[in-house]
Amino acid sequence: MARSFVVSILVLFSCLCSNSTQAGSKVTLESLMRQMTDLSLLAEFPDPPYATRQFSSYDRASEAPGRETWFANDDHGFMLYDGVVKEKTLYFKSLTGLKAAQGSFPAGTKVGIAPNRRPQGEYVWAYSTRPDGGAVDGRIPQGWIPKSAITMDKQGHVLAEMDGPGCVVRIWSPNPQDAGNIRIYLDGNDKPIIEAPMEALLAGKWQIDKPGESAVPGERTEHLLSRRLSEVSEWNGDRDV
């Protein structure tokens, strides 16, 4: 599976939050659609309330305001993670003479592989972020490590991932034609509920092979999609190029 280095992606989640003062209120697909299309609601807080989370392919050299690399702008192809390091792994800022390591990734750390740095022999430039893709205390641990230290994720290059109820409200890319296939997994299922070329999906051209059929007996597929998209607990992406 070849990697594409020219894809920029933004994914927004709405995280549905309960509110004890509004016991009967809940966020629905209908309420989210209304807030998306009714511009007057831009001046109001969401009701019922919910939080929004964002995942993007921003340049991981951009760590914190005030640092020299804050305005790094190679914003494409960076995944939330590509795999997991099997054991504690040292990382190096330079491979010249393999001087003292700058740090290490603990065993089990989810790491991404920087798309804008060519592999150096068996070494790749790896990075690790918070679960939401942000810097850890103002920095992003990163450096050269042996690629053999990484167990690649079996579902592909993970763009975004979130636990708990929610809804994917926006997926954006300036060049979806270069993104290959995207897969969306919900509720811990091994099979994606959506698997399609990103260009077709974002253009509204994707459709299921057999309309009306569903994995849930007695439920039409479009209803299943609507219900599960309002209850999303996990979303993974995969690009096949």
C-alpha atoms as a PDB file:
ATOM      1  CA  MET A   1       0.000   0.000   0.000  1.00  0.00           C
ATOM      2  CA  ALA A   2       1.763   3.154  -1.176  1.00  0.00           C
ATOM      3  CA  ARG A   3       1.488   6.385   0.758  1.00  0.00           C
ATOM      4  CA  SER A   4       0.302   9.587  -0.877  1.00  0.00           C
ATOM      5  CA  PHE A   5       2.162  12.690   0.279  1.00  0.00           C
ATOM      6  CA  VAL A   6      -0.056  15.399  -1.153  1.00  0.00           C
ATOM      7  CA  VAL A   7      -3.344  15.035   0.679  1.00  0.00           C
ATOM      8  CA  SER A   8      -4.679  17.622   3.130  1.00  0.00           C
ATOM      9  CA  ILE A   9      -7.618  16.553   5.259  1.00  0.00           C
ATOM     10  CA  LEU A  10      -9.761  18.135   7.947  1.00  0.00           C
ATOM     11  CA  VAL A  11     -12.254  16.116   9.966  1.00  0.00           C
ATOM     12  CA  LEU A  12     -14.715  17.655  12.431  1.00  0.00           C
ATOM     13  CA  PHE A  13     -16.622  15.722  15.059  1.00  0.00           C
ATOM     14  CA  SER A  14     -19.562  16.871  17.126  1.00  0.00           C
ATOM     15  CA  CYS A  15     -19.391  15.167  20.511  1.00  0.00           C
ATOM     16  CA  LEU A  16     -22.812  14.776  22.021  1.00  0.00           C
ATOM     17  CA  CYS A  17     -22.944  15.875  25.649  1.00  0.00           C
ATOM     18  CA  SER A  18     -25.642  15.179  28.212  1.00  0.00           C
ATOM     19  CA  ASN A  19     -27.012  18.007  30.338  1.00  0.00           C
ATOM     20  CA  SER A  20     -28.815  17.283  33.612  1.00  0.00           C
ATOM     21  CA  THR A  21     -30.866  20.463  33.279  1.00  0.00           C
ATOM     22  CA  GLN A  22     -32.263  19.239  29.966  1.00  0.00           C
ATOM     23  CA  ALA A  23     -33.123  15.633  30.749  1.00  0.00           C
ATOM     24  CA  GLY A  24     -35.373  15.268  27.726  1.00  0.00           C
ATOM     25  CA  SER A  25     -33.055  16.969  25.250  1.00  0.00           C
ATOM     26  CA  LYS A  26     -30.718  15.165  22.905  1.00  0.00           C
ATOM     27  CA  VAL A  27     -28.716  15.984  19.811  1.00  0.00           C
ATOM     28  CA  THR A  28     -30.185  14.403  16.684  1.00  0.00           C
ATOM     29  CA  LEU A  29     -29.334  14.367  13.005  1.00  0.00           C
ATOM     30  CA  GLU A  30     -32.268  16.741  12.494  1.00  0.00           C
ATOM     31  CA  SER A  31     -30.967  19.271  15.047  1.00  0.00           C
ATOM     32  CA  LEU A  32     -27.449  19.118  13.586  1.00  0.00           C
ATOM     33  CA  MET A  33     -28.793  19.712  10.067  1.00  0.00           C
ATOM     34  CA  ARG A  34     -30.784  22.721  11.305  1.00  0.00           C
ATOM     35  CA  GLN A  35     -27.712  24.231  12.953  1.00  0.00           C
ATOM     36  CA  MET A  36     -25.743  23.691   9.750  1.00  0.00           C
ATOM     37  CA  THR A  37     -28.292  25.409   7.497  1.00  0.00           C
ATOM     38  CA  ASP A  38     -29.848  28.091   9.735  1.00  0.00           C
ATOM     39  CA  LEU A  39     -27.305  30.940   9.741  1.00  0.00           C
ATOM     40  CA  SER A  40     -29.123  32.759  12.557  1.00  0.00           C
ATOM     41  CA  LEU A  41     -27.948  30.015  14.909  1.00  0.00           C
ATOM     42  CA  LEU A  42     -24.304  31.062  14.403  1.00  0.00           C
ATOM     43  CA  ALA A  43     -24.890  33.738  17.050  1.00  0.00           C
ATOM     44  CA  GLU A  44     -26.194  31.233  19.607  1.00  0.00           C
ATOM     45  CA  PHE A  45     -24.746  28.401  21.634  1.00  0.00           C
ATOM     46  CA  PRO A  46     -25.897  24.940  20.470  1.00  0.00           C
ATOM     47  CA  ASP A  47     -29.064  23.775  22.203  1.00  0.00           C
ATOM     48  CA  PRO A  48     -28.843  20.987  23.307  1.00  0.00           C
ATOM     49  CA  PRO A  49     -25.125  21.651  23.933  1.00  0.00           C
ATOM     50  CA  TYR A  50     -22.292  19.635  22.408  1.00  0.00           C
ATOM     51  CA  ALA A  51     -18.537  19.962  21.948  1.00  0.00           C
ATOM     52  CA  THR A  52     -16.685  19.966  18.624  1.00  0.00           C
ATOM     53  CA  ARG A  53     -13.394  18.161  18.003  1.00  0.00           C
ATOM     54  CA  GLN A  54     -11.113  18.617  15.011  1.00  0.00           C
ATOM     55  CA  PHE A  55      -8.505  16.349  13.431  1.00  0.00           C
ATOM     56  CA  SER A  56      -6.308  17.559  10.583  1.00  0.00           C
ATOM     57  CA  SER A  57      -3.222  16.705   8.544  1.00  0.00           C
ATOM     58  CA  TYR A  58      -1.328  19.776   9.816  1.00  0.00           C
ATOM     59  CA  ASP A  59       2.477  19.841   9.720  1.00  0.00           C
ATOM     60  CA  ARG A  60       3.685  18.157  12.932  1.00  0.00           C
ATOM     61  CA  ALA A  61       6.713  20.483  12.993  1.00  0.00           C
ATOM     62  CA  SER A  62       4.228  23.144  14.177  1.00  0.00           C
ATOM     63  CA  GLU A  63       4.284  22.578  17.928  1.00  0.00           C
ATOM     64  CA  ALA A  64       3.612  25.758  19.906  1.00  0.00           C
ATOM     65  CA  PRO A  65       3.314  29.557  19.434  1.00  0.00           C
ATOM     66  CA  GLY A  66       6.631  31.353  19.791  1.00  0.00           C
ATOM     67  CA  ARG A  67       8.724  28.479  18.508  1.00  0.00           C
ATOM     68  CA  GLU A  68      10.688  28.805  15.288  1.00  0.00           C
ATOM     69  CA  THR A  69       8.689  26.040  13.606  1.00  0.00           C
ATOM     70  CA  TRP A  70       5.251  27.336  14.655  1.00  0.00           C
ATOM     71  CA  PHE A  71       4.482  28.496  11.100  1.00  0.00           C
ATOM     72  CA  ALA A  72       5.560  25.238   9.439  1.00  0.00           C
ATOM     73  CA  ASN A  73       3.142  24.865   6.555  1.00  0.00           C
ATOM     74  CA  ASP A  74       3.670  21.449   4.998  1.00  0.00           C
ATOM     75  CA  ASP A  75       0.087  20.584   5.895  1.00  0.00           C
ATOM     76  CA  HIS A  76      -0.610  17.362   4.037  1.00  0.00           C
ATOM     77  CA  GLY A  77      -0.463  13.637   4.548  1.00  0.00           C
ATOM     78  CA  PHE A  78       0.097  13.671   8.323  1.00  0.00           C
ATOM     79  CA  MET A  79      -1.999  10.989   9.990  1.00  0.00           C
ATOM     80  CA  LEU A  80      -3.168  10.795  13.599  1.00  0.00           C
ATOM     81  CA  TYR A  81      -1.101   7.616  13.600  1.00  0.00           C
ATOM     82  CA  ASP A  82       0.098   4.905  11.235  1.00  0.00           C
ATOM     83  CA  GLY A  83       1.017   2.207  13.719  1.00  0.00           C
ATOM     84  CA  VAL A  84       2.302   1.341  17.193  1.00  0.00           C
ATOM     85  CA  VAL A  85       5.877   0.894  18.436  1.00  0.00           C
ATOM     86  CA  LYS A  86       6.242  -2.636  19.777  1.00  0.00           C
ATOM     87  CA  GLU A  87       8.712  -1.740  22.540  1.00  0.00           C
ATOM     88  CA  LYS A  88      10.477   1.297  23.957  1.00  0.00           C
ATOM     89  CA  THR A  89      12.139   2.981  20.961  1.00  0.00           C
ATOM     90  CA  LEU A  90      14.784   5.723  20.970  1.00  0.00           C
ATOM     91  CA  TYR A  91      14.410   8.537  18.431  1.00  0.00           C
ATOM     92  CA  PHE A  92      17.146  10.718  16.951  1.00  0.00           C
ATOM     93  CA  LYS A  93      17.068  14.199  15.437  1.00  0.00           C
ATOM     94  CA  SER A  94      20.106  13.349  13.302  1.00  0.00           C
ATOM     95  CA  LEU A  95      21.392  10.047  11.952  1.00  0.00           C
ATOM     96  CA  THR A  96      24.933  11.346  11.521  1.00  0.00           C
ATOM     97  CA  GLY A  97      26.953   9.125  13.762  1.00  0.00           C
ATOM     98  CA  LEU A  98      23.762   8.277  15.711  1.00  0.00           C
ATOM     99  CA  LYS A  99      24.628  10.629  18.547  1.00  0.00           C
ATOM    100  CA  ALA A 100      22.719  10.669  21.840  1.00  0.00           C
ATOM    101  CA  ALA A 101      19.002  10.085  21.411  1.00  0.00           C
ATOM    102  CA  GLN A 102      16.702  13.068  21.926  1.00  0.00           C
ATOM    103  CA  GLY A 103      14.054  10.932  23.568  1.00  0.00           C
ATOM    104  CA  SER A 104      12.098   7.721  23.307  1.00  0.00           C
ATOM    105  CA  PHE A 105       8.634   6.427  22.521  1.00  0.00           C
ATOM    106  CA  PRO A 106       7.340   4.127  25.291  1.00  0.00           C
ATOM    107  CA  ALA A 107       6.181   0.652  24.254  1.00  0.00           C
ATOM    108  CA  GLY A 108       2.653   0.810  22.846  1.00  0.00           C
ATOM    109  CA  THR A 109       2.883   4.436  21.656  1.00  0.00           C
ATOM    110  CA  LYS A 110       0.836   5.219  18.566  1.00  0.00           C
ATOM    111  CA  VAL A 111       3.073   6.970  16.037  1.00  0.00           C
ATOM    112  CA  GLY A 112       2.682   8.591  12.649  1.00  0.00           C
ATOM    113  CA  ILE A 113       5.253   8.593   9.847  1.00  0.00           C
ATOM    114  CA  ALA A 114       6.054  12.050   8.465  1.00  0.00           C
ATOM    115  CA  PRO A 115       5.226  12.140   4.734  1.00  0.00           C
ATOM    116  CA  ASN A 116       7.577  15.045   3.980  1.00  0.00           C
ATOM    117  CA  ARG A 117      10.801  13.320   5.053  1.00  0.00           C
ATOM    118  CA  ARG A 118      12.347  10.662   2.858  1.00  0.00           C
ATOM    119  CA  PRO A 119      13.281   7.459   4.663  1.00  0.00           C
ATOM    120  CA  GLN A 120      16.974   7.216   5.449  1.00  0.00           C
ATOM    121  CA  GLY A 121      17.863   3.586   4.908  1.00  0.00           C
ATOM    122  CA  GLU A 122      15.779   1.633   7.418  1.00  0.00           C
ATOM    123  CA  TYR A 123      14.885   4.781   9.373  1.00  0.00           C
ATOM    124  CA  VAL A 124      11.685   6.848   9.096  1.00  0.00           C
ATOM    125  CA  TRP A 125      10.751  10.111  10.811  1.00  0.00           C
ATOM    126  CA  ALA A 126       8.077   9.272  13.378  1.00  0.00           C
ATOM    127  CA  TYR A 127       5.998  11.470  15.682  1.00  0.00           C
ATOM    128  CA  SER A 128       3.471  11.048  18.471  1.00  0.00           C
ATOM    129  CA  THR A 129       0.664  13.388  19.539  1.00  0.00           C
ATOM    130  CA  ARG A 130      -2.163  13.504  22.031  1.00  0.00           C
ATOM    131  CA  PRO A 131      -5.235  11.397  21.149  1.00  0.00           C
ATOM    132  CA  ASP A 132      -6.753  14.501  19.508  1.00  0.00           C
ATOM    133  CA  GLY A 133      -3.663  15.113  17.351  1.00  0.00           C
ATOM    134  CA  GLY A 134      -2.348  18.056  19.384  1.00  0.00           C
ATOM    135  CA  ALA A 135       1.052  18.695  20.947  1.00  0.00           C
ATOM    136  CA  VAL A 136       1.951  17.170  24.315  1.00  0.00           C
ATOM    137  CA  ASP A 137       2.759  20.006  26.752  1.00  0.00           C
ATOM    138  CA  GLY A 138       3.737  22.258  23.862  1.00  0.00           C
ATOM    139  CA  ARG A 139       5.876  19.760  22.007  1.00  0.00           C
ATOM    140  CA  ILE A 140       5.504  16.810  19.673  1.00  0.00           C
ATOM    141  CA  PRO A 141       8.009  13.998  20.330  1.00  0.00           C
ATOM    142  CA  GLN A 142       9.521  13.122  16.957  1.00  0.00           C
ATOM    143  CA  GLY A 143      12.653  11.857  15.284  1.00  0.00           C
ATOM    144  CA  TRP A 144      14.244   9.052  13.297  1.00  0.00           C
ATOM    145  CA  ILE A 145      13.452   5.469  14.332  1.00  0.00           C
ATOM    146  CA  PRO A 146      13.797   2.092  12.561  1.00  0.00           C
ATOM    147  CA  LYS A 147      10.641   1.375  10.578  1.00  0.00           C
ATOM    148  CA  SER A 148      10.871  -2.219  11.778  1.00  0.00           C
ATOM    149  CA  ALA A 149      10.043  -0.928  15.279  1.00  0.00           C
ATOM    150  CA  ILE A 150       6.535   0.004  14.100  1.00  0.00           C
ATOM    151  CA  THR A 151       3.626  -2.417  13.811  1.00  0.00           C
ATOM    152  CA  MET A 152       1.511  -0.801  11.120  1.00  0.00           C
ATOM    153  CA  ASP A 153      -2.213  -0.466  11.842  1.00  0.00           C
ATOM    154  CA  LYS A 154      -4.109  -3.263  10.096  1.00  0.00           C
ATOM    155  CA  GLN A 155      -6.932  -0.920   9.052  1.00  0.00           C
ATOM    156  CA  GLY A 156      -4.606   1.568   7.374  1.00  0.00           C
ATOM    157  CA  HIS A 157      -3.487   5.142   8.002  1.00  0.00           C
ATOM    158  CA  VAL A 158      -5.697   6.525  10.788  1.00  0.00           C
ATOM    159  CA  LEU A 159      -6.934  10.066  10.129  1.00  0.00           C
ATOM    160  CA  ALA A 160      -9.136  10.494  13.195  1.00  0.00           C
ATOM    161  CA  GLU A 161     -10.384   8.477  16.137  1.00  0.00           C
ATOM    162  CA  MET A 162     -12.754   9.255  18.989  1.00  0.00           C
ATOM    163  CA  ASP A 163     -14.577   7.339  21.714  1.00  0.00           C
ATOM    164  CA  GLY A 164     -18.111   8.068  22.895  1.00  0.00           C
ATOM    165  CA  PRO A 165     -21.313   9.164  21.132  1.00  0.00           C
ATOM    166  CA  GLY A 166     -20.975  11.726  18.385  1.00  0.00           C
ATOM    167  CA  CYS A 167     -21.422  12.618  14.742  1.00  0.00           C
ATOM    168  CA  VAL A 168     -19.001  13.243  11.886  1.00  0.00           C
ATOM    169  CA  VAL A 169     -20.192  16.656  10.708  1.00  0.00           C
ATOM    170  CA  ARG A 170     -17.530  17.639   8.194  1.00  0.00           C
ATOM    171  CA  ILE A 171     -14.773  16.050   6.099  1.00  0.00           C
ATOM    172  CA  TRP A 172     -12.814  18.477   3.940  1.00  0.00           C
ATOM    173  CA  SER A 173      -9.884  18.157   1.552  1.00  0.00           C
ATOM    174  CA  PRO A 174      -8.574  20.528  -1.151  1.00  0.00           C
ATOM    175  CA  ASN A 175      -7.390  17.583  -3.257  1.00  0.00           C
ATOM    176  CA  PRO A 176      -9.582  14.532  -2.589  1.00  0.00           C
ATOM    177  CA  GLN A 177      -8.675  13.141  -6.009  1.00  0.00           C
ATOM    178  CA  ASP A 178      -5.264  12.256  -4.564  1.00  0.00           C
ATOM    179  CA  ALA A 179      -6.561  10.776  -1.314  1.00  0.00           C
ATOM    180  CA  GLY A 180      -7.438   7.283  -2.491  1.00  0.00           C
ATOM    181  CA  ASN A 181     -10.001   5.309  -0.462  1.00  0.00           C
ATOM    182  CA  ILE A 182     -11.489   6.309   2.864  1.00  0.00           C
ATOM    183  CA  ARG A 183     -13.023   3.891   5.356  1.00  0.00           C
ATOM    184  CA  ILE A 184     -15.320   4.805   8.242  1.00  0.00           C
ATOM    185  CA  TYR A 185     -15.694   2.377  11.137  1.00  0.00           C
ATOM    186  CA  LEU A 186     -18.386   2.772  13.781  1.00  0.00           C
ATOM    187  CA  ASP A 187     -19.012   1.179  17.166  1.00  0.00           C
ATOM    188  CA  GLY A 188     -15.848  -0.962  17.120  1.00  0.00           C
ATOM    189  CA  ASN A 189     -16.919  -2.961  14.064  1.00  0.00           C
ATOM    190  CA  ASP A 190     -14.231  -4.727  12.033  1.00  0.00           C
ATOM    191  CA  LYS A 191     -15.950  -3.859   8.752  1.00  0.00           C
ATOM    192  CA  PRO A 192     -16.331  -0.236   7.608  1.00  0.00           C
ATOM    193  CA  ILE A 193     -19.818   1.211   7.292  1.00  0.00           C
ATOM    194  CA  ILE A 194     -18.494   3.366   4.444  1.00  0.00           C
ATOM    195  CA  GLU A 195     -15.642   2.480   2.079  1.00  0.00           C
ATOM    196  CA  ALA A 196     -15.276   4.662  -0.970  1.00  0.00           C
ATOM    197  CA  PRO A 197     -12.893   6.882  -2.935  1.00  0.00           C
ATOM    198  CA  MET A 198     -12.727  10.145  -1.013  1.00  0.00           C
ATOM    199  CA  GLU A 199     -13.354  12.150  -4.180  1.00  0.00           C
ATOM    200  CA  ALA A 200     -16.618  10.273  -4.831  1.00  0.00           C
ATOM    201  CA  LEU A 201     -17.711  10.514  -1.192  1.00  0.00           C
ATOM    202  CA  LEU A 202     -17.142  14.267  -0.910  1.00  0.00           C
ATOM    203  CA  ALA A 203     -18.754  14.882  -4.311  1.00  0.00           C
ATOM    204  CA  GLY A 204     -21.920  13.085  -3.194  1.00  0.00           C
ATOM    205  CA  LYS A 205     -21.403  10.351  -5.803  1.00  0.00           C
ATOM    206  CA  TRP A 206     -20.872   7.439  -3.420  1.00  0.00           C
ATOM    207  CA  GLN A 207     -23.734   5.014  -2.962  1.00  0.00           C
ATOM    208  CA  ILE A 208     -24.223   1.593  -1.423  1.00  0.00           C
ATOM    209  CA  ASP A 209     -24.162  -1.420  -3.723  1.00  0.00           C
ATOM    210  CA  LYS A 210     -27.633  -2.686  -2.754  1.00  0.00           C
ATOM    211  CA  PRO A 211     -29.936   0.139  -1.600  1.00  0.00           C
ATOM    212  CA  GLY A 212     -32.435  -0.900   1.031  1.00  0.00           C
ATOM    213  CA  GLU A 213     -30.426  -3.801   2.442  1.00  0.00           C
ATOM    214  CA  SER A 214     -29.080  -3.644   5.970  1.00  0.00           C
ATOM    215  CA  ALA A 215     -26.977  -5.620   8.430  1.00  0.00           C
ATOM    216  CA  VAL A 216     -29.755  -5.029  10.955  1.00  0.00           C
ATOM    217  CA  PRO A 217     -32.892  -7.080  10.130  1.00  0.00           C
ATOM    218  CA  GLY A 218     -35.966  -4.986   9.431  1.00  0.00           C
ATOM    219  CA  GLU A 219     -34.027  -1.734   9.039  1.00  0.00           C
ATOM    220  CA  ARG A 220     -33.453   0.013   5.747  1.00  0.00           C
ATOM    221  CA  THR A 221     -29.844   0.923   5.092  1.00  0.00           C
ATOM    222  CA  GLU A 222     -30.448   4.664   4.918  1.00  0.00           C
ATOM    223  CA  HIS A 223     -32.030   4.537   8.386  1.00  0.00           C
ATOM    224  CA  LEU A 224     -29.088   2.535   9.687  1.00  0.00           C
ATOM    225  CA  LEU A 225     -26.679   5.132   8.324  1.00  0.00           C
ATOM    226  CA  SER A 226     -28.615   8.013   9.863  1.00  0.00           C
ATOM    227  CA  ARG A 227     -28.863   6.307  13.250  1.00  0.00           C
ATOM    228  CA  ARG A 228     -25.252   5.246  13.446  1.00  0.00           C
ATOM    229  CA  LEU A 229     -23.853   8.512  12.178  1.00  0.00           C
ATOM    230  CA  SER A 230     -25.636  10.142  15.118  1.00  0.00           C
ATOM    231  CA  GLU A 231     -24.058   7.631  17.509  1.00  0.00           C
ATOM    232  CA  VAL A 232     -20.506   7.401  16.122  1.00  0.00           C
ATOM    233  CA  SER A 233     -17.960   6.092  18.600  1.00  0.00           C
ATOM    234  CA  GLU A 234     -14.970   5.507  16.363  1.00  0.00           C
ATOM    235  CA  TRP A 235     -13.835   6.716  12.983  1.00  0.00           C
ATOM    236  CA  ASN A 236     -10.735   5.511  11.149  1.00  0.00           C
ATOM    237  CA  GLY A 237      -9.504   6.475   7.692  1.00  0.00           C
ATOM    238  CA  ASP A 238      -7.460   4.578   5.118  1.00  0.00           C
ATOM    239  CA  ARG A 239      -5.944   5.847   1.907  1.00  0.00           C
ATOM    240  CA  ASP A 240      -5.148   3.300  -0.790  1.00  0.00           C
ATOM    241  CA  VAL A 241      -3.091   4.894  -3.535  1.00  0.00           C
END
